[in-house]
Each structure stands twice: as structure tokens, then as C-alpha cells.
């Protein structure tokens, strides 16, 4: 049996602004996680694309291909050339 004190106790209501603040904080935190994940994914893609091998003609450096073959201007075999990797700058606190 319930005591008299428990039966007259009003229901606890949450402040709607407090609930909105929690939901907003959750959304901001979720967005931050997604942005960080996306930037890391883009950094990995850029790192892999920097290591690609391209093929160029020794006589016509403007001829560039992603696969081996012959130069369309002179017919010479295209030579493999690694694309230069961008230098990585050290962040603050790095030696």
C-alpha cells in the first residue's frame, strides 16, 4: 500500500529548455565526430593518391597516362614516374 506522502507527490516535469540543450549538445557532438571521421578519410585518400604511378614520355613530358603504353606523338614507350609526395609539415610540439 502506498503511503499518503507518495500519492500526493506531483509528477516531476523536466524543463523543456534543458531537454533541448541536451539534444542540441548531442547533435553538435555527433556532427563533430562525423567531421573528424570525414577529414581523416580524406587525408587517407590524398595520401594514397599521392603515391600513384603515372607514365610519361621522355621526349614529351606533357604526355601523361595512368597506364603504360606508347606516346601518341612519337611512339616511344612511356616511362613510369612516381608523383611527388607533398612534404608533411610538423605540427606544434613536434621535434
C-alpha atoms as a PDB file:
ATOM      1  CA  UNK A   1       0.000   0.000   0.000  1.00  0.00           C
ATOM      2  CA  UNK A   2       1.293   3.450  -0.912  1.00  0.00           C
ATOM      3  CA  UNK A   3       1.852   5.900   1.805  1.00  0.00           C
ATOM      4  CA  UNK A   4      -0.055   9.114   1.780  1.00  0.00           C
ATOM      5  CA  UNK A   5       3.090  11.149   1.078  1.00  0.00           C
ATOM      6  CA  UNK A   6       3.875   9.317  -2.163  1.00  0.00           C
ATOM      7  CA  UNK A   7       0.388   9.616  -3.526  1.00  0.00           C
ATOM      8  CA  UNK A   8       0.237  13.427  -3.268  1.00  0.00           C
ATOM      9  CA  UNK A   9       3.672  13.966  -4.697  1.00  0.00           C
ATOM     10  CA  UNK A  10       3.387  15.827  -8.023  1.00  0.00           C
ATOM     11  CA  UNK A  11       4.903  14.310 -11.150  1.00  0.00           C
ATOM     12  CA  UNK A  12       8.387  15.567 -11.892  1.00  0.00           C
ATOM     13  CA  UNK A  13       8.490  17.553 -15.104  1.00  0.00           C
ATOM     14  CA  UNK A  14      11.671  18.313 -16.944  1.00  0.00           C
ATOM     15  CA  UNK A  15      12.412  21.774 -18.154  1.00  0.00           C
ATOM     16  CA  UNK A  16      11.902  21.851 -21.972  1.00  0.00           C
ATOM     17  CA  UNK A  17      14.947  24.116 -22.385  1.00  0.00           C
ATOM     18  CA  UNK A  18      17.091  21.649 -20.507  1.00  0.00           C
ATOM     19  CA  UNK A  19      15.919  18.833 -22.772  1.00  0.00           C
ATOM     20  CA  UNK A  20      16.564  20.985 -25.856  1.00  0.00           C
ATOM     21  CA  UNK A  21      20.073  21.777 -24.573  1.00  0.00           C
ATOM     22  CA  UNK A  22      20.834  18.065 -24.165  1.00  0.00           C
ATOM     23  CA  UNK A  23      19.541  17.246 -27.626  1.00  0.00           C
ATOM     24  CA  UNK A  24      21.463  20.161 -29.150  1.00  0.00           C
ATOM     25  CA  UNK A  25      24.651  19.102 -27.386  1.00  0.00           C
ATOM     26  CA  UNK A  26      24.228  15.569 -28.627  1.00  0.00           C
ATOM     27  CA  UNK A  27      23.723  16.790 -32.199  1.00  0.00           C
ATOM     28  CA  UNK A  28      26.783  19.054 -32.041  1.00  0.00           C
ATOM     29  CA  UNK A  29      28.931  16.229 -30.661  1.00  0.00           C
ATOM     30  CA  UNK A  30      27.666  13.850 -33.355  1.00  0.00           C
ATOM     31  CA  UNK A  31      28.422  16.384 -36.067  1.00  0.00           C
ATOM     32  CA  UNK A  32      31.933  16.901 -34.688  1.00  0.00           C
ATOM     33  CA  UNK A  33      32.592  13.154 -34.780  1.00  0.00           C
ATOM     34  CA  UNK A  34      31.378  12.947 -38.377  1.00  0.00           C
ATOM     35  CA  UNK A  35      33.542  15.893 -39.474  1.00  0.00           C
ATOM     36  CA  UNK A  36      36.662  14.401 -37.875  1.00  0.00           C
ATOM     37  CA  UNK A  37      35.976  10.999 -39.440  1.00  0.00           C
ATOM     38  CA  UNK A  38      35.440  12.571 -42.868  1.00  0.00           C
ATOM     39  CA  UNK A  39      38.644  14.634 -42.656  1.00  0.00           C
ATOM     40  CA  UNK A  40      40.659  11.548 -41.685  1.00  0.00           C
ATOM     41  CA  UNK A  41      39.144   9.636 -44.593  1.00  0.00           C
ATOM     42  CA  UNK A  42      40.019  12.464 -46.999  1.00  0.00           C
ATOM     43  CA  UNK A  43      43.579  12.574 -45.643  1.00  0.00           C
ATOM     44  CA  UNK A  44      43.964   8.837 -46.288  1.00  0.00           C
ATOM     45  CA  UNK A  45      42.612   9.221 -49.821  1.00  0.00           C
ATOM     46  CA  UNK A  46      45.015  12.060 -50.541  1.00  0.00           C
ATOM     47  CA  UNK A  47      47.903  10.019 -49.134  1.00  0.00           C
ATOM     48  CA  UNK A  48      47.089   7.089 -51.405  1.00  0.00           C
ATOM     49  CA  UNK A  49      46.607   9.306 -54.449  1.00  0.00           C
ATOM     50  CA  UNK A  50      49.994  10.927 -53.790  1.00  0.00           C
ATOM     51  CA  UNK A  51      51.664   7.515 -54.170  1.00  0.00           C
ATOM     52  CA  UNK A  52      50.175   6.792 -57.608  1.00  0.00           C
ATOM     53  CA  UNK A  53      52.454   5.991 -60.519  1.00  0.00           C
ATOM     54  CA  UNK A  54      51.993   7.935 -63.730  1.00  0.00           C
ATOM     55  CA  UNK A  55      53.586   7.238 -67.091  1.00  0.00           C
ATOM     56  CA  UNK A  56      55.193   9.995 -69.164  1.00  0.00           C
ATOM     57  CA  UNK A  57      57.056  10.233 -72.418  1.00  0.00           C
ATOM     58  CA  UNK A  58      60.777  11.038 -72.004  1.00  0.00           C
ATOM     59  CA  UNK A  59      60.627  13.322 -75.056  1.00  0.00           C
ATOM     60  CA  UNK A  60      57.196  14.867 -74.379  1.00  0.00           C
ATOM     61  CA  UNK A  61      56.717  15.430 -70.616  1.00  0.00           C
ATOM     62  CA  UNK A  62      53.263  16.903 -71.229  1.00  0.00           C
ATOM     63  CA  UNK A  63      52.032  13.422 -72.266  1.00  0.00           C
ATOM     64  CA  UNK A  64      50.811  11.777 -69.051  1.00  0.00           C
ATOM     65  CA  UNK A  65      48.966   8.472 -68.686  1.00  0.00           C
ATOM     66  CA  UNK A  66      47.815   6.339 -65.776  1.00  0.00           C
ATOM     67  CA  UNK A  67      48.825   3.119 -67.555  1.00  0.00           C
ATOM     68  CA  UNK A  68      51.854   2.061 -69.624  1.00  0.00           C
ATOM     69  CA  UNK A  69      51.754   2.388 -73.365  1.00  0.00           C
ATOM     70  CA  UNK A  70      53.220   4.349 -76.260  1.00  0.00           C
ATOM     71  CA  UNK A  71      53.458   8.112 -76.683  1.00  0.00           C
ATOM     72  CA  UNK A  72      50.829   9.275 -79.178  1.00  0.00           C
ATOM     73  CA  UNK A  73      53.224  11.919 -80.589  1.00  0.00           C
ATOM     74  CA  UNK A  74      56.420   9.933 -81.142  1.00  0.00           C
ATOM     75  CA  UNK A  75      55.587   6.291 -80.392  1.00  0.00           C
ATOM     76  CA  UNK A  76      58.216   5.861 -77.666  1.00  0.00           C
ATOM     77  CA  UNK A  77      57.371   3.735 -74.631  1.00  0.00           C
ATOM     78  CA  UNK A  78      56.031   5.682 -71.689  1.00  0.00           C
ATOM     79  CA  UNK A  79      58.201   5.531 -68.563  1.00  0.00           C
ATOM     80  CA  UNK A  80      56.901   5.144 -65.011  1.00  0.00           C
ATOM     81  CA  UNK A  81      57.243   8.177 -62.810  1.00  0.00           C
ATOM     82  CA  UNK A  82      56.031   8.400 -59.218  1.00  0.00           C
ATOM     83  CA  UNK A  83      54.128  11.548 -58.429  1.00  0.00           C
ATOM     84  CA  UNK A  84      55.967  13.670 -55.889  1.00  0.00           C
ATOM     85  CA  UNK A  85      54.605  13.425 -52.387  1.00  0.00           C
ATOM     86  CA  UNK A  86      53.758  16.687 -50.676  1.00  0.00           C
ATOM     87  CA  UNK A  87      56.026  17.403 -47.696  1.00  0.00           C
ATOM     88  CA  UNK A  88      54.362  16.903 -44.349  1.00  0.00           C
ATOM     89  CA  UNK A  89      54.707  19.887 -42.062  1.00  0.00           C
ATOM     90  CA  UNK A  90      55.383  19.241 -38.417  1.00  0.00           C
ATOM     91  CA  UNK A  91      52.675  20.373 -36.044  1.00  0.00           C
ATOM     92  CA  UNK A  92      53.174  22.274 -32.810  1.00  0.00           C
ATOM     93  CA  UNK A  93      55.048  20.258 -30.229  1.00  0.00           C
ATOM     94  CA  UNK A  94      56.799  18.119 -32.836  1.00  0.00           C
ATOM     95  CA  UNK A  95      60.600  17.824 -32.627  1.00  0.00           C
END
